[in-house]
Amino acid sequence: MEEAVADSSIQVLSESSADKENLSFEPPTKKLKVSDTLPEVKAKLEDRLSGILCCAVCLDLPKTCYQCSNGHLMCAGCFNHLLADARIKDETATCPNCRCEINRNVCIRNLAVEKAVSELPTECVFCNHKLPRYQLEHHQKEICQERPCVCRFSRIGCLWEGPFHEVMEHEKGCSHPKKSGEEVMGALETIDSKKAEDDRMFFDVFSLLSFEKITFNDLQLKPFRTDDFITRLYYETSRFTAFSHQWVIRAKIVSDNKNPTHTVNRSLAFQLVTKTKLSAPITMHYLALDGPFGSGHIKPKIYKFEFTADTTEAEYQDLPIDSIECNQMLASKTINFRLIMFQVSK
């Protein structure tokens, strides 16, 4: 009898403990519907990675990638453009996603993203063939059969253009090699005139190197703001000495729009200013080049101006750079360049 009571009590205890376990038991996570998973299955891996690794500004895959302190990605062009806009507005540049501060000291290159992007497939613009991005440039220049080419007799006037696989067939029947010397001379004169125009600058530089008085200075353009109601950005160097006179370089932003932040077509214009009172006119030739610590590529161009006691400021001249290099310079704290000056003796 006692054993029966004990068995019944044990059974009651086990049932009560089982009820407690059932109360604390959590069911497994509910599975998603098959229809919900279909879009993910259909999307290719490279398409999903492209959406993850794209630039936060232009939504294109970055060849050179920067990231903010929170990991948001920006291509080099957009990163420089954001810094340039902030410089023009006299504001702090911020990430377009999380609004944290961005600058060259905080943001770093993300090499893992750059390598991953280089492995993602892309299409050749000529033949629509898919291949990894790191192979695209070599494919379009050397391998692609649809890449645009010109006839090898273009130097004597042939204007044919077409895909690479048609070049040999065209050259076999090209009529220009059979033309008379008089007909060929017309095309050669046009080519020579263009080449002479390109070479004129180098000949001018060599002639200036024969001058007695030549000097160069490695300078830094530093940003300043005007005192106007709406302040504007301008750049100026410290005073430097050349030919026993004091000089400075000033620079300003040139754009197609009144507000430079509303356009991407920007450039810099600079002027040479003398700070010394001149007793006699001085004729100067000068050109700006990339300095030892410069961040852009300045194409050499020679400028000439005669300084007098009344005209101490040369006219503003466009700095020979493109818009991308302009943004890159504006994104830097200072603009480094080398100024070469030649004094013409009378």
Protein backbone atom coordinates (compact mmCIF):
# COMPACT_ATOMS: atom_id res chain seq x y z
CA MET A 1 0.00 0.00 0.00
CA GLU A 2 2.80 2.37 0.93
CA GLU A 3 4.62 1.48 -2.31
CA ALA A 4 1.52 2.39 -4.34
CA VAL A 5 1.24 5.76 -2.63
CA ALA A 6 4.95 6.44 -3.25
CA ASP A 7 4.62 5.53 -6.92
CA SER A 8 1.62 7.83 -7.32
CA SER A 9 3.45 10.73 -5.63
CA ILE A 10 6.49 10.25 -7.89
CA GLN A 11 4.20 10.22 -10.92
CA VAL A 12 2.57 13.49 -9.81
CA LEU A 13 5.96 15.11 -9.25
CA SER A 14 7.22 14.06 -12.69
CA GLU A 15 4.07 15.38 -14.36
CA SER A 16 4.37 18.72 -12.58
CA SER A 17 8.06 19.05 -13.56
CA ALA A 18 7.14 18.20 -17.15
CA ASP A 19 4.48 20.91 -17.10
CA LYS A 20 7.08 23.41 -15.88
CA GLU A 21 9.47 22.40 -18.70
CA ASN A 22 6.65 22.82 -21.23
CA LEU A 23 5.95 26.31 -19.89
CA SER A 24 9.61 27.40 -20.28
CA PHE A 25 10.07 25.72 -23.67
CA GLU A 26 10.49 28.09 -26.68
CA PRO A 27 9.46 26.86 -30.11
CA PRO A 28 12.00 27.04 -32.96
CA THR A 29 12.17 30.14 -35.12
CA LYS A 30 9.41 30.24 -37.66
CA LYS A 31 10.66 29.44 -41.16
CA LEU A 32 10.28 31.98 -43.92
CA LYS A 33 7.87 31.41 -46.74
CA VAL A 34 9.30 29.99 -49.91
CA SER A 35 8.10 33.04 -51.81
CA ASP A 36 10.10 35.33 -49.50
CA THR A 37 13.37 33.57 -50.28
CA LEU A 38 12.94 33.47 -54.04
CA PRO A 39 14.24 37.03 -54.77
CA GLU A 40 17.45 36.31 -52.84
CA VAL A 41 17.94 33.05 -54.70
CA LYS A 42 17.37 34.68 -58.07
CA ALA A 43 19.79 37.58 -57.38
CA LYS A 44 23.32 36.71 -58.37
CA LEU A 45 26.11 36.91 -55.85
CA GLU A 46 27.99 39.59 -57.80
CA ASP A 47 24.86 41.75 -57.95
CA ARG A 48 24.38 41.53 -54.19
CA LEU A 49 28.06 42.30 -53.59
CA SER A 50 27.86 45.26 -55.95
CA GLY A 51 25.06 46.71 -53.84
CA ILE A 52 27.10 46.23 -50.67
CA LEU A 53 30.48 47.48 -51.95
CA CYS A 54 29.26 50.47 -53.97
CA CYS A 55 30.15 54.10 -53.18
CA ALA A 56 27.67 55.80 -50.85
CA VAL A 57 27.57 58.90 -53.08
CA CYS A 58 27.62 57.84 -56.75
CA LEU A 59 26.53 54.20 -56.15
CA ASP A 60 29.30 53.00 -58.48
CA LEU A 61 31.90 50.40 -57.56
CA PRO A 62 35.06 52.15 -56.34
CA LYS A 63 38.43 51.44 -57.88
CA THR A 64 40.08 53.34 -55.02
CA CYS A 65 37.98 53.10 -51.85
CA TYR A 66 37.94 55.20 -48.68
CA GLN A 67 35.83 54.55 -45.59
CA CYS A 68 34.61 56.74 -42.74
CA SER A 69 35.07 55.84 -39.07
CA ASN A 70 31.81 53.86 -39.20
CA GLY A 71 32.83 51.88 -42.29
CA HIS A 72 30.74 53.58 -45.00
CA LEU A 73 32.46 53.43 -48.38
CA MET A 74 33.31 56.25 -50.81
CA CYS A 75 35.23 56.22 -54.06
CA ALA A 76 38.24 58.52 -54.34
CA GLY A 77 36.48 60.97 -56.67
CA CYS A 78 33.45 61.45 -54.42
CA PHE A 79 35.64 61.59 -51.31
CA ASN A 80 37.72 64.44 -52.78
CA HIS A 81 34.55 66.17 -54.00
CA LEU A 82 33.02 66.11 -50.49
CA LEU A 83 36.20 67.56 -48.99
CA ALA A 84 36.38 70.22 -51.73
CA ASP A 85 32.73 71.23 -51.17
CA ALA A 86 33.37 71.56 -47.44
CA ARG A 87 36.46 73.69 -48.12
CA ILE A 88 34.48 76.04 -50.38
CA LYS A 89 31.58 76.33 -47.91
CA ASP A 90 33.93 76.65 -44.90
CA GLU A 91 32.20 73.72 -43.26
CA THR A 92 33.22 70.35 -41.83
CA ALA A 93 33.01 67.52 -44.34
CA THR A 94 30.71 64.71 -43.23
CA CYS A 95 29.87 61.20 -44.38
CA PRO A 96 26.68 61.20 -46.52
CA ASN A 97 25.37 58.16 -44.59
CA CYS A 98 26.08 58.70 -40.90
CA ARG A 99 27.16 62.38 -40.88
CA CYS A 100 30.35 61.68 -38.98
CA GLU A 101 33.33 63.91 -39.73
CA ILE A 102 35.54 62.86 -42.63
CA ASN A 103 39.01 64.09 -43.53
CA ARG A 104 42.31 62.65 -44.73
CA ASN A 105 43.44 61.92 -41.18
CA VAL A 106 40.29 60.00 -40.15
CA CYS A 107 39.37 58.16 -43.35
CA ILE A 108 41.54 55.29 -44.54
CA ARG A 109 41.82 53.16 -47.66
CA ASN A 110 39.88 49.88 -47.61
CA LEU A 111 42.15 47.53 -49.54
CA ALA A 112 39.89 44.51 -48.97
CA VAL A 113 37.01 46.26 -50.77
CA GLU A 114 39.32 47.34 -53.61
CA LYS A 115 40.53 43.77 -54.13
CA ALA A 116 36.99 42.38 -53.91
CA VAL A 117 35.73 44.92 -56.47
CA SER A 118 38.60 44.08 -58.83
CA GLU A 119 37.41 40.45 -58.87
CA LEU A 120 33.77 41.26 -59.62
CA PRO A 121 32.72 40.76 -63.25
CA THR A 122 31.94 43.59 -65.63
CA GLU A 123 31.12 43.91 -69.31
CA CYS A 124 33.41 45.18 -72.02
CA VAL A 125 31.86 48.28 -73.60
CA PHE A 126 32.86 47.07 -77.07
CA CYS A 127 32.00 43.35 -77.16
CA ASN A 128 29.82 42.94 -74.00
CA HIS A 129 32.08 40.10 -72.87
CA LYS A 130 32.06 39.51 -69.11
CA LEU A 131 35.39 39.39 -67.30
CA PRO A 132 36.93 40.44 -63.93
CA ARG A 133 37.45 44.17 -63.52
CA TYR A 134 41.20 43.91 -63.11
CA GLN A 135 41.41 42.41 -66.62
CA LEU A 136 39.15 44.98 -68.28
CA GLU A 137 41.78 47.59 -69.21
CA HIS A 138 44.14 45.05 -70.79
CA HIS A 139 41.23 43.36 -72.60
CA GLN A 140 39.95 46.62 -74.12
CA LYS A 141 43.42 47.72 -75.25
CA GLU A 142 44.99 44.48 -76.47
CA ILE A 143 42.54 41.56 -76.76
CA CYS A 144 39.04 42.73 -77.65
CA GLN A 145 38.27 42.13 -81.32
CA GLU A 146 35.62 44.88 -81.33
CA ARG A 147 37.87 47.65 -79.95
CA PRO A 148 37.94 50.75 -82.20
CA CYS A 149 40.99 51.09 -84.42
CA VAL A 150 42.22 53.29 -87.24
CA CYS A 151 43.99 52.39 -90.44
CA ARG A 152 47.79 52.31 -90.23
CA PHE A 153 47.78 54.66 -93.21
CA SER A 154 45.95 57.34 -91.18
CA ARG A 155 49.21 59.35 -91.14
CA ILE A 156 48.85 59.90 -94.86
CA GLY A 157 45.19 60.86 -94.77
CA CYS A 158 43.07 57.70 -94.37
CA LEU A 159 40.07 58.49 -92.19
CA TRP A 160 38.78 54.91 -91.79
CA GLU A 161 37.73 53.82 -88.30
CA GLY A 162 36.28 50.46 -87.32
CA PRO A 163 36.59 47.35 -85.15
CA PHE A 164 39.94 45.61 -84.82
CA HIS A 165 38.87 42.46 -86.66
CA GLU A 166 38.19 44.51 -89.82
CA VAL A 167 41.52 46.38 -89.89
CA MET A 168 43.48 43.84 -91.92
CA GLU A 169 40.76 43.51 -94.54
CA HIS A 170 40.53 47.29 -94.92
CA GLU A 171 44.31 47.80 -95.13
CA LYS A 172 44.55 45.28 -97.97
CA GLY A 173 42.23 47.40 -100.12
CA CYS A 174 43.11 50.86 -98.75
CA SER A 175 43.66 53.32 -101.60
CA HIS A 176 45.88 55.81 -99.74
CA PRO A 177 49.21 53.95 -100.23
CA LYS A 178 48.63 54.23 -103.98
CA LYS A 179 48.04 57.97 -103.97
CA SER A 180 50.52 60.41 -105.45
CA GLY A 181 53.08 62.24 -103.34
CA GLU A 182 51.24 65.54 -103.87
CA GLU A 183 48.02 64.10 -102.42
CA VAL A 184 49.88 62.61 -99.45
CA MET A 185 51.68 65.90 -98.71
CA GLY A 186 48.39 67.59 -97.77
CA ALA A 187 47.74 65.11 -94.97
CA LEU A 188 51.35 65.29 -93.76
CA GLU A 189 51.25 69.09 -93.56
CA THR A 190 48.16 68.94 -91.32
CA ILE A 191 49.85 66.46 -89.00
CA ASP A 192 53.06 68.52 -88.92
CA SER A 193 51.18 71.70 -87.99
CA LYS A 194 49.55 69.97 -85.01
CA LYS A 195 52.85 68.53 -83.86
CA ALA A 196 54.60 71.88 -84.23
CA GLU A 197 51.97 73.49 -82.01
CA ASP A 198 52.58 70.86 -79.32
CA ASP A 199 56.37 71.22 -79.59
CA ARG A 200 56.35 75.01 -79.47
CA MET A 201 56.02 75.03 -75.69
CA PHE A 202 59.10 72.82 -75.25
CA PHE A 203 61.15 74.99 -77.61
CA ASP A 204 60.06 78.06 -75.63
CA VAL A 205 61.20 76.44 -72.38
CA PHE A 206 64.60 75.58 -73.86
CA SER A 207 65.02 79.14 -75.08
CA LEU A 208 64.11 80.51 -71.63
CA LEU A 209 66.72 78.25 -70.05
CA SER A 210 69.36 80.28 -71.89
CA PHE A 211 68.40 83.42 -69.94
CA GLU A 212 70.87 84.76 -67.40
CA LYS A 213 68.40 85.16 -64.54
CA ILE A 214 66.47 82.01 -63.62
CA THR A 215 65.06 80.98 -60.26
CA PHE A 216 62.52 78.54 -58.83
CA ASN A 217 60.61 78.30 -55.55
CA ASP A 218 58.64 75.44 -54.01
CA LEU A 219 55.51 77.15 -52.68
CA GLN A 220 52.39 76.35 -50.67
CA LEU A 221 49.01 77.92 -51.41
CA LYS A 222 47.10 78.20 -48.13
CA PRO A 223 43.31 78.76 -47.90
CA PHE A 224 41.87 82.06 -46.65
CA ARG A 225 38.41 83.66 -46.55
CA THR A 226 37.41 87.13 -47.74
CA ASP A 227 35.87 89.71 -45.39
CA ASP A 228 32.72 90.09 -47.49
CA PHE A 229 29.22 89.50 -46.14
CA ILE A 230 29.27 86.21 -48.06
CA THR A 231 32.81 85.03 -47.57
CA ARG A 232 34.64 83.46 -50.48
CA LEU A 233 37.55 81.09 -50.56
CA TYR A 234 40.88 82.15 -52.00
CA TYR A 235 44.47 80.94 -51.71
CA GLU A 236 47.70 82.78 -51.16
CA THR A 237 51.34 81.87 -50.59
CA SER A 238 53.75 83.38 -48.11
CA ARG A 239 56.09 86.02 -49.45
CA PHE A 240 59.12 84.69 -51.27
CA THR A 241 62.18 86.35 -52.75
CA ALA A 242 63.16 86.21 -56.41
CA PHE A 243 65.54 88.56 -58.25
CA SER A 244 65.84 90.78 -55.13
CA HIS A 245 62.08 91.41 -55.04
CA GLN A 246 59.24 90.14 -52.84
CA TRP A 247 56.44 88.15 -54.52
CA VAL A 248 53.28 86.21 -53.68
CA ILE A 249 50.97 83.92 -55.64
CA ARG A 250 47.19 84.21 -55.28
CA ALA A 251 44.63 81.69 -56.56
CA LYS A 252 40.85 81.51 -56.80
CA ILE A 253 38.23 78.99 -57.90
CA VAL A 254 36.80 79.32 -61.40
CA SER A 255 33.55 77.55 -62.34
CA ASP A 256 30.70 77.79 -64.83
CA ASN A 257 28.31 78.51 -61.96
CA LYS A 258 28.22 81.50 -59.59
CA ASN A 259 28.24 79.04 -56.70
CA PRO A 260 31.14 76.58 -57.21
CA THR A 261 29.45 73.98 -55.00
CA HIS A 262 26.64 73.60 -57.55
CA THR A 263 28.88 72.31 -60.33
CA VAL A 264 31.58 69.73 -60.88
CA ASN A 265 33.38 71.74 -63.58
CA ARG A 266 35.90 73.60 -61.45
CA SER A 267 39.38 74.93 -62.06
CA LEU A 268 41.89 77.19 -60.35
CA ALA A 269 43.25 80.49 -61.64
CA PHE A 270 46.40 82.06 -60.23
CA GLN A 271 48.24 85.36 -60.50
CA LEU A 272 51.75 86.56 -59.71
CA VAL A 273 51.95 89.68 -57.53
CA THR A 274 54.98 91.74 -56.63
CA LYS A 275 55.14 93.23 -53.13
CA THR A 276 58.18 95.43 -53.82
CA LYS A 277 57.93 98.99 -55.09
CA LEU A 278 59.50 98.90 -58.52
CA SER A 279 61.68 101.70 -59.78
CA ALA A 280 61.87 100.25 -63.30
CA PRO A 281 59.69 97.86 -65.33
CA ILE A 282 60.46 94.13 -65.10
CA THR A 283 59.41 91.61 -67.74
CA MET A 284 58.86 88.16 -66.27
CA HIS A 285 58.22 84.75 -67.80
CA TYR A 286 56.89 82.18 -65.34
CA LEU A 287 55.27 78.75 -65.24
CA ALA A 288 53.84 76.49 -62.53
CA LEU A 289 54.85 72.82 -62.27
CA ASP A 290 54.24 69.89 -59.94
CA GLY A 291 56.23 70.33 -56.76
CA PRO A 292 58.08 67.62 -54.82
CA PHE A 293 55.02 67.23 -52.55
CA GLY A 294 52.31 68.16 -55.05
CA SER A 295 49.09 66.13 -55.27
CA GLY A 296 48.00 67.00 -58.83
CA HIS A 297 49.38 66.99 -62.35
CA ILE A 298 49.96 70.52 -63.65
CA LYS A 299 50.57 70.74 -67.38
CA PRO A 300 53.41 73.20 -68.09
CA LYS A 301 52.38 76.47 -69.70
CA ILE A 302 54.45 79.66 -69.98
CA TYR A 303 53.01 83.07 -69.04
CA LYS A 304 54.49 86.51 -69.60
CA PHE A 305 53.82 89.84 -67.87
CA GLU A 306 55.55 93.19 -67.50
CA PHE A 307 55.50 94.55 -63.95
CA THR A 308 55.71 98.30 -63.37
CA ALA A 309 55.19 100.67 -60.45
CA ASP A 310 51.48 100.95 -61.40
CA THR A 311 50.81 97.34 -62.51
CA THR A 312 52.02 95.11 -59.70
CA GLU A 313 49.52 92.27 -60.27
CA ALA A 314 49.59 89.99 -63.28
CA GLU A 315 46.34 88.88 -64.84
CA TYR A 316 44.71 85.71 -63.51
CA GLN A 317 45.73 82.69 -65.60
CA ASP A 318 44.06 79.30 -65.59
CA LEU A 319 46.08 76.61 -63.84
CA PRO A 320 46.35 73.82 -66.46
CA ILE A 321 44.53 71.07 -64.52
CA ASP A 322 41.25 69.22 -65.02
CA SER A 323 38.23 69.27 -62.69
CA ILE A 324 39.16 66.01 -60.93
CA GLU A 325 42.64 67.30 -60.09
CA CYS A 326 41.11 70.60 -58.97
CA ASN A 327 38.92 68.77 -56.43
CA GLN A 328 41.94 66.78 -55.31
CA MET A 329 43.88 70.00 -54.66
CA LEU A 330 40.95 71.66 -52.88
CA ALA A 331 40.59 68.59 -50.66
CA SER A 332 44.17 69.05 -49.40
CA LYS A 333 45.06 71.44 -46.60
CA THR A 334 47.59 73.18 -48.83
CA ILE A 335 48.38 73.18 -52.56
CA ASN A 336 52.04 72.45 -53.23
CA PHE A 337 53.65 73.44 -56.51
CA ARG A 338 56.89 74.75 -58.01
CA LEU A 339 57.13 78.17 -59.65
CA ILE A 340 59.92 78.82 -62.18
CA MET A 341 60.63 82.45 -63.08
CA PHE A 342 62.73 83.92 -65.87
CA GLN A 343 63.68 87.61 -65.95
CA VAL A 344 64.16 89.14 -69.38
CA SER A 345 67.11 91.52 -69.44
CA LYS A 346 66.80 94.57 -71.64
